[in-house]
Amino acid sequence: MIMTISNGVKIGGLQKSTLLDYPGRIAATVFLIGCNFRCPFCYSKELVLPEKIKKQPRISEKYFFDFLKERKGLLEGIVICGGEPTIYQELPEFVKKIKNLGYLVKLDTNGSNPEMLKKLIDEKLIDYVAMDIKQSQSSPKHPGGPGATGQAKLPEGFRLGGSYGAGKTQKYDVATGVKVDLNKIKKSIDILKEGKVDYEFRTTVVKTIHTKEDIIEIAKWLTPAKKYYLQNFRAEKTIDPKFKKIKPYSKDFLISIQKEISSYFEICEVRE
């Protein structure tokens, strides 16, 4: 699923300082409104759901770029995330303005728009990319459903084929809440693995969505690759309210997966 937005980039939030979002850099994070995915476990619904977006305060581009001018010499980089930034046709022009102020730029993306990703890399507009890998490439056998294996189990009140599973023909669709063109995801992965820009892959690991076997399949799909991070799910203000009731996997469980797949990557870690 791809959607594009014109008529200017819409900013829904600004974190003025972070030591975590851009590896090794002091940065600020700008949150763009709108997304083409509906991941049920997403905790940024105010940037994703149209009814929530209407109520989300906006930040003008003028305010944002005035802030960047004031912080020159104090901040090293800017993280652009969302939502999904690559849905904006004007993203390259927006990034150029940031680069012209002397900042490094990191892009967080779901990889659904490889054409935009390639354009940003070819024009040397971005310095680092974090791409979310939502699920494996495998068949629609769903954790807790028929044929499923591993640790995941659907909690009481969940049904396969419910609001986040209906009509989905692959695991990636279940994880994203929409029909996904996996060829575009694969193309974005290949673009990053060319090594023209520093990058990482990452997966938020969620009970009812992922099993240990799913993560191992993802690792085999991505290898060889530079960096892969496992991130634990946080049960807070999720797009699908049912996911607030899901307990995250234990850190020990994620570490056990990390140990099993670490040989596939130069760096493989569990991220807090």
C-alpha atoms as a PDB file:
ATOM      1  CA  MET A   1       0.000   0.000   0.000  1.00  0.00           C
ATOM      2  CA  ILE A   2       1.462   3.368  -1.044  1.00  0.00           C
ATOM      3  CA  MET A   3      -0.079   6.742  -0.662  1.00  0.00           C
ATOM      4  CA  THR A   4       1.513  10.072  -1.481  1.00  0.00           C
ATOM      5  CA  ILE A   5       0.804  13.464  -0.003  1.00  0.00           C
ATOM      6  CA  SER A   6       1.499  16.799  -1.650  1.00  0.00           C
ATOM      7  CA  ASN A   7       0.833  20.405  -0.617  1.00  0.00           C
ATOM      8  CA  GLY A   8       3.697  20.519   1.837  1.00  0.00           C
ATOM      9  CA  VAL A   9       5.177  18.484   4.661  1.00  0.00           C
ATOM     10  CA  LYS A  10       2.997  18.433   7.779  1.00  0.00           C
ATOM     11  CA  ILE A  11       4.835  18.396  11.104  1.00  0.00           C
ATOM     12  CA  GLY A  12       3.062  16.888  14.095  1.00  0.00           C
ATOM     13  CA  GLY A  13       5.809  16.936  16.706  1.00  0.00           C
ATOM     14  CA  LEU A  14       9.361  17.951  17.564  1.00  0.00           C
ATOM     15  CA  GLN A  15      11.667  16.404  20.131  1.00  0.00           C
ATOM     16  CA  LYS A  16      14.248  19.107  20.608  1.00  0.00           C
ATOM     17  CA  SER A  17      17.052  16.915  21.892  1.00  0.00           C
ATOM     18  CA  THR A  18      17.803  13.192  21.857  1.00  0.00           C
ATOM     19  CA  LEU A  19      20.873  11.065  22.479  1.00  0.00           C
ATOM     20  CA  LEU A  20      19.091   7.867  21.433  1.00  0.00           C
ATOM     21  CA  ASP A  21      17.372   8.360  18.072  1.00  0.00           C
ATOM     22  CA  TYR A  22      20.504   9.030  15.985  1.00  0.00           C
ATOM     23  CA  PRO A  23      23.323   6.628  16.916  1.00  0.00           C
ATOM     24  CA  GLY A  24      26.401   8.489  18.104  1.00  0.00           C
ATOM     25  CA  ARG A  25      24.940  11.934  17.508  1.00  0.00           C
ATOM     26  CA  ILE A  26      23.221  14.672  19.471  1.00  0.00           C
ATOM     27  CA  ALA A  27      20.049  15.187  17.506  1.00  0.00           C
ATOM     28  CA  ALA A  28      16.504  16.470  17.323  1.00  0.00           C
ATOM     29  CA  THR A  29      13.611  14.407  16.008  1.00  0.00           C
ATOM     30  CA  VAL A  30      10.852  15.760  13.782  1.00  0.00           C
ATOM     31  CA  PHE A  31       7.621  13.775  13.475  1.00  0.00           C
ATOM     32  CA  LEU A  32       5.750  13.991  10.175  1.00  0.00           C
ATOM     33  CA  ILE A  33       2.010  13.362  10.052  1.00  0.00           C
ATOM     34  CA  GLY A  34       0.514  10.520   8.036  1.00  0.00           C
ATOM     35  CA  CYS A  35       1.264   6.857   7.399  1.00  0.00           C
ATOM     36  CA  ASN A  36       0.327   4.223   4.826  1.00  0.00           C
ATOM     37  CA  PHE A  37       0.510   1.391   7.384  1.00  0.00           C
ATOM     38  CA  ARG A  38      -1.869   0.617  10.261  1.00  0.00           C
ATOM     39  CA  CYS A  39       0.311  -1.544  12.483  1.00  0.00           C
ATOM     40  CA  PRO A  40      -2.026  -2.532  15.321  1.00  0.00           C
ATOM     41  CA  PHE A  41       0.751  -2.268  17.918  1.00  0.00           C
ATOM     42  CA  CYS A  42       1.851   1.237  16.821  1.00  0.00           C
ATOM     43  CA  TYR A  43       1.844   3.774  19.668  1.00  0.00           C
ATOM     44  CA  SER A  44       1.845   6.887  17.423  1.00  0.00           C
ATOM     45  CA  LYS A  45      -1.817   6.832  16.456  1.00  0.00           C
ATOM     46  CA  GLU A  46      -1.996  10.642  16.627  1.00  0.00           C
ATOM     47  CA  LEU A  47       0.304  10.670  13.577  1.00  0.00           C
ATOM     48  CA  VAL A  48      -1.425   7.806  11.750  1.00  0.00           C
ATOM     49  CA  LEU A  49      -5.198   7.699  12.187  1.00  0.00           C
ATOM     50  CA  PRO A  50      -7.126  10.440  10.331  1.00  0.00           C
ATOM     51  CA  GLU A  51      -9.518  11.043  13.225  1.00  0.00           C
ATOM     52  CA  LYS A  52      -6.563  11.517  15.596  1.00  0.00           C
ATOM     53  CA  ILE A  53      -4.555  13.576  13.118  1.00  0.00           C
ATOM     54  CA  LYS A  54      -7.344  16.156  13.022  1.00  0.00           C
ATOM     55  CA  LYS A  55      -6.772  16.837  16.719  1.00  0.00           C
ATOM     56  CA  GLN A  56      -2.984  16.787  16.602  1.00  0.00           C
ATOM     57  CA  PRO A  57      -1.356  20.244  16.950  1.00  0.00           C
ATOM     58  CA  ARG A  58       0.780  21.252  13.985  1.00  0.00           C
ATOM     59  CA  ILE A  59       4.214  22.826  13.953  1.00  0.00           C
ATOM     60  CA  SER A  60       4.906  25.222  11.114  1.00  0.00           C
ATOM     61  CA  GLU A  61       7.923  24.774   8.872  1.00  0.00           C
ATOM     62  CA  LYS A  62       8.961  28.318   9.810  1.00  0.00           C
ATOM     63  CA  TYR A  63       9.049  27.420  13.508  1.00  0.00           C
ATOM     64  CA  PHE A  64      10.961  24.229  12.762  1.00  0.00           C
ATOM     65  CA  PHE A  65      13.627  25.866  10.607  1.00  0.00           C
ATOM     66  CA  ASP A  66      13.981  28.811  12.979  1.00  0.00           C
ATOM     67  CA  PHE A  67      14.645  26.234  15.701  1.00  0.00           C
ATOM     68  CA  LEU A  68      17.303  24.541  13.555  1.00  0.00           C
ATOM     69  CA  LYS A  69      19.038  27.868  12.908  1.00  0.00           C
ATOM     70  CA  GLU A  70      19.095  28.604  16.641  1.00  0.00           C
ATOM     71  CA  ARG A  71      20.577  25.167  17.464  1.00  0.00           C
ATOM     72  CA  LYS A  72      23.397  25.210  14.907  1.00  0.00           C
ATOM     73  CA  GLY A  73      26.570  24.114  16.662  1.00  0.00           C
ATOM     74  CA  LEU A  74      24.600  22.430  19.451  1.00  0.00           C
ATOM     75  CA  LEU A  75      22.877  19.690  17.473  1.00  0.00           C
ATOM     76  CA  GLU A  76      24.640  17.406  15.004  1.00  0.00           C
ATOM     77  CA  GLY A  77      21.757  15.652  13.318  1.00  0.00           C
ATOM     78  CA  ILE A  78      18.042  15.618  12.600  1.00  0.00           C
ATOM     79  CA  VAL A  79      15.922  12.469  12.660  1.00  0.00           C
ATOM     80  CA  ILE A  80      12.929  12.476  10.327  1.00  0.00           C
ATOM     81  CA  CYS A  81      10.255   9.999  11.333  1.00  0.00           C
ATOM     82  CA  GLY A  82       6.497   9.711  11.466  1.00  0.00           C
ATOM     83  CA  GLY A  83       4.143   8.324  10.591  1.00  0.00           C
ATOM     84  CA  GLU A  84       5.947   7.507   7.362  1.00  0.00           C
ATOM     85  CA  PRO A  85       8.015  10.374   5.903  1.00  0.00           C
ATOM     86  CA  THR A  86       8.361   8.918   2.398  1.00  0.00           C
ATOM     87  CA  ILE A  87       4.664   9.410   1.628  1.00  0.00           C
ATOM     88  CA  TYR A  88       5.461  13.107   1.078  1.00  0.00           C
ATOM     89  CA  GLN A  89       6.336  14.111  -2.473  1.00  0.00           C
ATOM     90  CA  GLU A  90       8.025  17.212  -1.054  1.00  0.00           C
ATOM     91  CA  LEU A  91      10.318  15.254   1.282  1.00  0.00           C
ATOM     92  CA  PRO A  92      13.479  15.851  -0.801  1.00  0.00           C
ATOM     93  CA  GLU A  93      12.988  19.620  -0.714  1.00  0.00           C
ATOM     94  CA  PHE A  94      12.300  19.489   3.022  1.00  0.00           C
ATOM     95  CA  VAL A  95      15.486  17.493   3.615  1.00  0.00           C
ATOM     96  CA  LYS A  96      17.536  19.814   1.390  1.00  0.00           C
ATOM     97  CA  LYS A  97      16.628  22.733   3.643  1.00  0.00           C
ATOM     98  CA  ILE A  98      17.866  20.769   6.640  1.00  0.00           C
ATOM     99  CA  LYS A  99      21.095  19.765   4.890  1.00  0.00           C
ATOM    100  CA  ASN A 100      21.710  23.342   3.802  1.00  0.00           C
ATOM    101  CA  LEU A 101      21.888  24.275   7.480  1.00  0.00           C
ATOM    102  CA  GLY A 102      24.737  21.823   7.954  1.00  0.00           C
ATOM    103  CA  TYR A 103      22.940  18.973   9.727  1.00  0.00           C
ATOM    104  CA  LEU A 104      23.303  15.254   9.265  1.00  0.00           C
ATOM    105  CA  VAL A 105      19.953  13.606   8.464  1.00  0.00           C
ATOM    106  CA  LYS A 106      18.634  10.233   9.592  1.00  0.00           C
ATOM    107  CA  LEU A 107      15.481   8.834   8.015  1.00  0.00           C
ATOM    108  CA  ASP A 108      13.181   6.354   9.763  1.00  0.00           C
ATOM    109  CA  THR A 109      11.080   4.458   7.218  1.00  0.00           C
ATOM    110  CA  ASN A 110       8.938   1.377   6.718  1.00  0.00           C
ATOM    111  CA  GLY A 111      10.535   0.802   3.309  1.00  0.00           C
ATOM    112  CA  SER A 112       7.302   0.949   1.314  1.00  0.00           C
ATOM    113  CA  ASN A 113       8.576   3.631  -1.078  1.00  0.00           C
ATOM    114  CA  PRO A 114      11.908   2.433  -2.519  1.00  0.00           C
ATOM    115  CA  GLU A 115      11.775   5.049  -5.283  1.00  0.00           C
ATOM    116  CA  MET A 116      11.809   7.870  -2.745  1.00  0.00           C
ATOM    117  CA  LEU A 117      14.471   6.113  -0.677  1.00  0.00           C
ATOM    118  CA  LYS A 118      16.720   5.749  -3.730  1.00  0.00           C
ATOM    119  CA  LYS A 119      16.215   9.389  -4.705  1.00  0.00           C
ATOM    120  CA  LEU A 120      17.199  10.622  -1.244  1.00  0.00           C
ATOM    121  CA  ILE A 121      20.304   8.424  -1.229  1.00  0.00           C
ATOM    122  CA  ASP A 122      21.356   9.223  -4.805  1.00  0.00           C
ATOM    123  CA  GLU A 123      21.035  12.949  -4.149  1.00  0.00           C
ATOM    124  CA  LYS A 124      23.070  12.546  -0.927  1.00  0.00           C
ATOM    125  CA  LEU A 125      20.289  14.031   1.154  1.00  0.00           C
ATOM    126  CA  ILE A 126      20.367  11.458   3.955  1.00  0.00           C
ATOM    127  CA  ASP A 127      23.243  10.093   6.016  1.00  0.00           C
ATOM    128  CA  TYR A 128      21.628   7.241   7.929  1.00  0.00           C
ATOM    129  CA  VAL A 129      18.512   5.108   7.438  1.00  0.00           C
ATOM    130  CA  ALA A 130      16.645   2.996   9.972  1.00  0.00           C
ATOM    131  CA  MET A 131      14.230   0.644   8.205  1.00  0.00           C
ATOM    132  CA  ASP A 132      11.565  -1.198  10.152  1.00  0.00           C
ATOM    133  CA  ILE A 133      11.118  -4.833   9.149  1.00  0.00           C
ATOM    134  CA  LYS A 134       7.607  -5.647  10.284  1.00  0.00           C
ATOM    135  CA  GLN A 135       7.546  -9.402   9.690  1.00  0.00           C
ATOM    136  CA  SER A 136       8.997 -12.287   7.737  1.00  0.00           C
ATOM    137  CA  GLN A 137       8.175 -13.050   4.109  1.00  0.00           C
ATOM    138  CA  SER A 138       6.398 -16.267   5.004  1.00  0.00           C
ATOM    139  CA  SER A 139       2.861 -17.539   4.553  1.00  0.00           C
ATOM    140  CA  PRO A 140      -0.158 -16.282   6.487  1.00  0.00           C
ATOM    141  CA  LYS A 141       0.083 -18.863   9.274  1.00  0.00           C
ATOM    142  CA  HIS A 142      -0.352 -16.550  12.221  1.00  0.00           C
ATOM    143  CA  PRO A 143       1.012 -16.824  15.761  1.00  0.00           C
ATOM    144  CA  GLY A 144      -1.642 -18.531  17.828  1.00  0.00           C
ATOM    145  CA  GLY A 145      -3.506 -19.632  14.697  1.00  0.00           C
ATOM    146  CA  PRO A 146      -3.613 -22.915  12.802  1.00  0.00           C
ATOM    147  CA  GLY A 147      -0.147 -24.197  11.957  1.00  0.00           C
ATOM    148  CA  ALA A 148       1.612 -21.638  14.125  1.00  0.00           C
ATOM    149  CA  THR A 149       4.624 -22.519  16.252  1.00  0.00           C
ATOM    150  CA  GLY A 150       6.746 -20.740  18.804  1.00  0.00           C
ATOM    151  CA  GLN A 151       5.969 -18.696  21.869  1.00  0.00           C
ATOM    152  CA  ALA A 152       3.245 -16.345  20.669  1.00  0.00           C
ATOM    153  CA  LYS A 153      -0.328 -17.018  21.726  1.00  0.00           C
ATOM    154  CA  LEU A 154      -3.415 -14.980  21.031  1.00  0.00           C
ATOM    155  CA  PRO A 155      -4.833 -13.540  24.270  1.00  0.00           C
ATOM    156  CA  GLU A 156      -8.407 -13.959  25.321  1.00  0.00           C
ATOM    157  CA  GLY A 157     -10.756 -11.957  23.094  1.00  0.00           C
ATOM    158  CA  PHE A 158      -8.528 -12.129  20.007  1.00  0.00           C
ATOM    159  CA  ARG A 159      -9.580 -13.992  16.891  1.00  0.00           C
ATOM    160  CA  LEU A 160      -7.596 -14.750  13.770  1.00  0.00           C
ATOM    161  CA  GLY A 161      -9.345 -12.825  11.014  1.00  0.00           C
ATOM    162  CA  GLY A 162     -10.341 -10.019  13.347  1.00  0.00           C
ATOM    163  CA  SER A 163      -9.819  -6.295  12.835  1.00  0.00           C
ATOM    164  CA  TYR A 164      -6.082  -6.650  12.248  1.00  0.00           C
ATOM    165  CA  GLY A 165      -6.118 -10.002  10.452  1.00  0.00           C
ATOM    166  CA  ALA A 166      -9.118  -9.909   8.111  1.00  0.00           C
ATOM    167  CA  GLY A 167      -8.350 -10.350   4.428  1.00  0.00           C
ATOM    168  CA  LYS A 168      -4.593 -10.482   4.947  1.00  0.00           C
ATOM    169  CA  THR A 169      -2.752 -12.966   2.742  1.00  0.00           C
ATOM    170  CA  GLN A 170       0.750 -12.762   4.238  1.00  0.00           C
ATOM    171  CA  LYS A 171       2.260 -12.241   7.670  1.00  0.00           C
ATOM    172  CA  TYR A 172       3.490  -8.798   6.648  1.00  0.00           C
ATOM    173  CA  ASP A 173      -0.123  -7.734   6.082  1.00  0.00           C
ATOM    174  CA  VAL A 174      -1.135  -8.857   9.563  1.00  0.00           C
ATOM    175  CA  ALA A 175       1.755  -6.933  11.129  1.00  0.00           C
ATOM    176  CA  THR A 176       1.009  -3.751   9.185  1.00  0.00           C
ATOM    177  CA  GLY A 177      -2.796  -3.859   9.132  1.00  0.00           C
ATOM    178  CA  VAL A 178      -2.846  -3.305   5.346  1.00  0.00           C
ATOM    179  CA  LYS A 179      -2.060  -5.158   2.131  1.00  0.00           C
ATOM    180  CA  VAL A 180       1.657  -4.674   1.497  1.00  0.00           C
ATOM    181  CA  ASP A 181       3.591  -4.998  -1.751  1.00  0.00           C
ATOM    182  CA  LEU A 182       6.473  -7.122  -0.470  1.00  0.00           C
ATOM    183  CA  ASN A 183       8.446  -6.478  -3.646  1.00  0.00           C
ATOM    184  CA  LYS A 184       8.772  -2.842  -2.608  1.00  0.00           C
ATOM    185  CA  ILE A 185       9.959  -3.844   0.855  1.00  0.00           C
ATOM    186  CA  LYS A 186      12.529  -6.172  -0.712  1.00  0.00           C
ATOM    187  CA  LYS A 187      13.677  -3.438  -3.079  1.00  0.00           C
ATOM    188  CA  SER A 188      14.246  -1.027  -0.193  1.00  0.00           C
ATOM    189  CA  ILE A 189      16.241  -3.693   1.643  1.00  0.00           C
ATOM    190  CA  ASP A 190      18.404  -4.224  -1.443  1.00  0.00           C
ATOM    191  CA  ILE A 191      18.931  -0.480  -1.880  1.00  0.00           C
ATOM    192  CA  LEU A 192      20.228  -0.155   1.670  1.00  0.00           C
ATOM    193  CA  LYS A 193      22.448  -3.222   1.393  1.00  0.00           C
ATOM    194  CA  GLU A 194      24.253  -1.553  -1.514  1.00  0.00           C
ATOM    195  CA  GLY A 195      26.005   0.405   1.246  1.00  0.00           C
ATOM    196  CA  LYS A 196      25.747   3.886  -0.239  1.00  0.00           C
ATOM    197  CA  VAL A 197      24.451   5.176   3.110  1.00  0.00           C
ATOM    198  CA  ASP A 198      24.841   3.974   6.684  1.00  0.00           C
ATOM    199  CA  TYR A 199      21.819   1.954   7.751  1.00  0.00           C
ATOM    200  CA  GLU A 200      20.187  -0.412  10.203  1.00  0.00           C
ATOM    201  CA  PHE A 201      17.266  -2.791  10.102  1.00  0.00           C
ATOM    202  CA  ARG A 202      15.078  -3.200  13.161  1.00  0.00           C
ATOM    203  CA  THR A 203      12.016  -5.115  14.290  1.00  0.00           C
ATOM    204  CA  THR A 204       9.638  -4.352  17.118  1.00  0.00           C
ATOM    205  CA  VAL A 205       8.868  -7.795  18.518  1.00  0.00           C
ATOM    206  CA  VAL A 206       5.253  -8.268  19.581  1.00  0.00           C
ATOM    207  CA  LYS A 207       3.433 -11.210  21.105  1.00  0.00           C
ATOM    208  CA  THR A 208       0.512 -12.310  18.871  1.00  0.00           C
ATOM    209  CA  ILE A 209       2.436 -10.950  15.856  1.00  0.00           C
ATOM    210  CA  HIS A 210       5.892 -12.555  16.096  1.00  0.00           C
ATOM    211  CA  THR A 211       7.318 -15.888  17.174  1.00  0.00           C
ATOM    212  CA  LYS A 212      10.957 -16.753  17.643  1.00  0.00           C
ATOM    213  CA  GLU A 213      10.781 -18.558  14.302  1.00  0.00           C
ATOM    214  CA  ASP A 214       9.543 -15.385  12.595  1.00  0.00           C
ATOM    215  CA  ILE A 215      12.555 -13.406  13.795  1.00  0.00           C
ATOM    216  CA  ILE A 216      14.930 -16.149  12.668  1.00  0.00           C
ATOM    217  CA  GLU A 217      13.250 -16.072   9.242  1.00  0.00           C
ATOM    218  CA  ILE A 218      13.689 -12.295   9.103  1.00  0.00           C
ATOM    219  CA  ALA A 219      17.385 -12.656   9.925  1.00  0.00           C
ATOM    220  CA  LYS A 220      17.851 -15.214   7.143  1.00  0.00           C
ATOM    221  CA  TRP A 221      16.011 -12.884   4.764  1.00  0.00           C
ATOM    222  CA  LEU A 222      18.179  -9.878   5.589  1.00  0.00           C
ATOM    223  CA  THR A 223      21.603 -11.520   5.762  1.00  0.00           C
ATOM    224  CA  PRO A 224      24.227 -10.461   4.923  1.00  0.00           C
ATOM    225  CA  ALA A 225      23.544  -7.050   6.407  1.00  0.00           C
ATOM    226  CA  LYS A 226      25.283  -4.514   8.571  1.00  0.00           C
ATOM    227  CA  LYS A 227      23.069  -3.964  11.629  1.00  0.00           C
ATOM    228  CA  TYR A 228      19.884  -5.519  12.978  1.00  0.00           C
ATOM    229  CA  TYR A 229      18.184  -4.527  16.212  1.00  0.00           C
ATOM    230  CA  LEU A 230      15.378  -6.176  18.133  1.00  0.00           C
ATOM    231  CA  GLN A 231      13.111  -3.775  19.998  1.00  0.00           C
ATOM    232  CA  ASN A 232      10.556  -4.834  22.577  1.00  0.00           C
ATOM    233  CA  PHE A 233       6.924  -3.849  22.216  1.00  0.00           C
ATOM    234  CA  ARG A 234       5.528  -1.206  24.561  1.00  0.00           C
ATOM    235  CA  ALA A 235       1.869  -1.581  25.484  1.00  0.00           C
ATOM    236  CA  GLU A 236       0.723   2.031  25.366  1.00  0.00           C
ATOM    237  CA  LYS A 237      -1.882   3.997  23.353  1.00  0.00           C
ATOM    238  CA  THR A 238      -1.783   1.446  20.544  1.00  0.00           C
ATOM    239  CA  ILE A 239      -3.749   1.802  17.297  1.00  0.00           C
ATOM    240  CA  ASP A 240      -5.653  -1.368  18.163  1.00  0.00           C
ATOM    241  CA  PRO A 241      -6.716  -0.918  21.814  1.00  0.00           C
ATOM    242  CA  LYS A 242      -6.552  -4.678  22.390  1.00  0.00           C
ATOM    243  CA  PHE A 243      -2.772  -4.505  22.178  1.00  0.00           C
ATOM    244  CA  LYS A 244      -2.616  -2.494  25.385  1.00  0.00           C
ATOM    245  CA  LYS A 245      -3.435  -5.762  27.157  1.00  0.00           C
ATOM    246  CA  ILE A 246      -0.533  -7.667  25.636  1.00  0.00           C
ATOM    247  CA  LYS A 247       2.505  -8.191  27.832  1.00  0.00           C
ATOM    248  CA  PRO A 248       5.866  -7.705  26.110  1.00  0.00           C
ATOM    249  CA  TYR A 249       8.245 -10.601  25.701  1.00  0.00           C
ATOM    250  CA  SER A 250      10.865 -10.852  28.425  1.00  0.00           C
ATOM    251  CA  LYS A 251      14.268  -9.342  27.735  1.00  0.00           C
ATOM    252  CA  ASP A 252      15.809 -12.775  28.276  1.00  0.00           C
ATOM    253  CA  PHE A 253      13.637 -14.155  25.469  1.00  0.00           C
ATOM    254  CA  LEU A 254      14.807 -11.443  23.063  1.00  0.00           C
ATOM    255  CA  ILE A 255      18.427 -11.995  24.086  1.00  0.00           C
ATOM    256  CA  SER A 256      18.058 -15.715  23.362  1.00  0.00           C
ATOM    257  CA  ILE A 257      16.909 -14.840  19.822  1.00  0.00           C
ATOM    258  CA  GLN A 258      19.709 -12.305  19.422  1.00  0.00           C
ATOM    259  CA  LYS A 259      22.299 -14.919  20.310  1.00  0.00           C
ATOM    260  CA  GLU A 260      20.854 -17.308  17.746  1.00  0.00           C
ATOM    261  CA  ILE A 261      20.854 -14.815  14.866  1.00  0.00           C
ATOM    262  CA  SER A 262      23.888 -12.648  15.652  1.00  0.00           C
ATOM    263  CA  SER A 263      26.112 -14.482  13.172  1.00  0.00           C
ATOM    264  CA  TYR A 264      23.953 -13.199  10.311  1.00  0.00           C
ATOM    265  CA  PHE A 265      24.964  -9.559  10.926  1.00  0.00           C
ATOM    266  CA  GLU A 266      27.978  -7.407  11.686  1.00  0.00           C
ATOM    267  CA  ILE A 267      26.041  -5.998  14.640  1.00  0.00           C
ATOM    268  CA  CYS A 268      22.938  -7.560  16.202  1.00  0.00           C
ATOM    269  CA  GLU A 269      21.613  -6.286  19.510  1.00  0.00           C
ATOM    270  CA  VAL A 270      18.531  -6.020  21.680  1.00  0.00           C
ATOM    271  CA  ARG A 271      17.669  -2.363  22.021  1.00  0.00           C
ATOM    272  CA  GLU A 272      15.944  -1.007  25.114  1.00  0.00           C
END
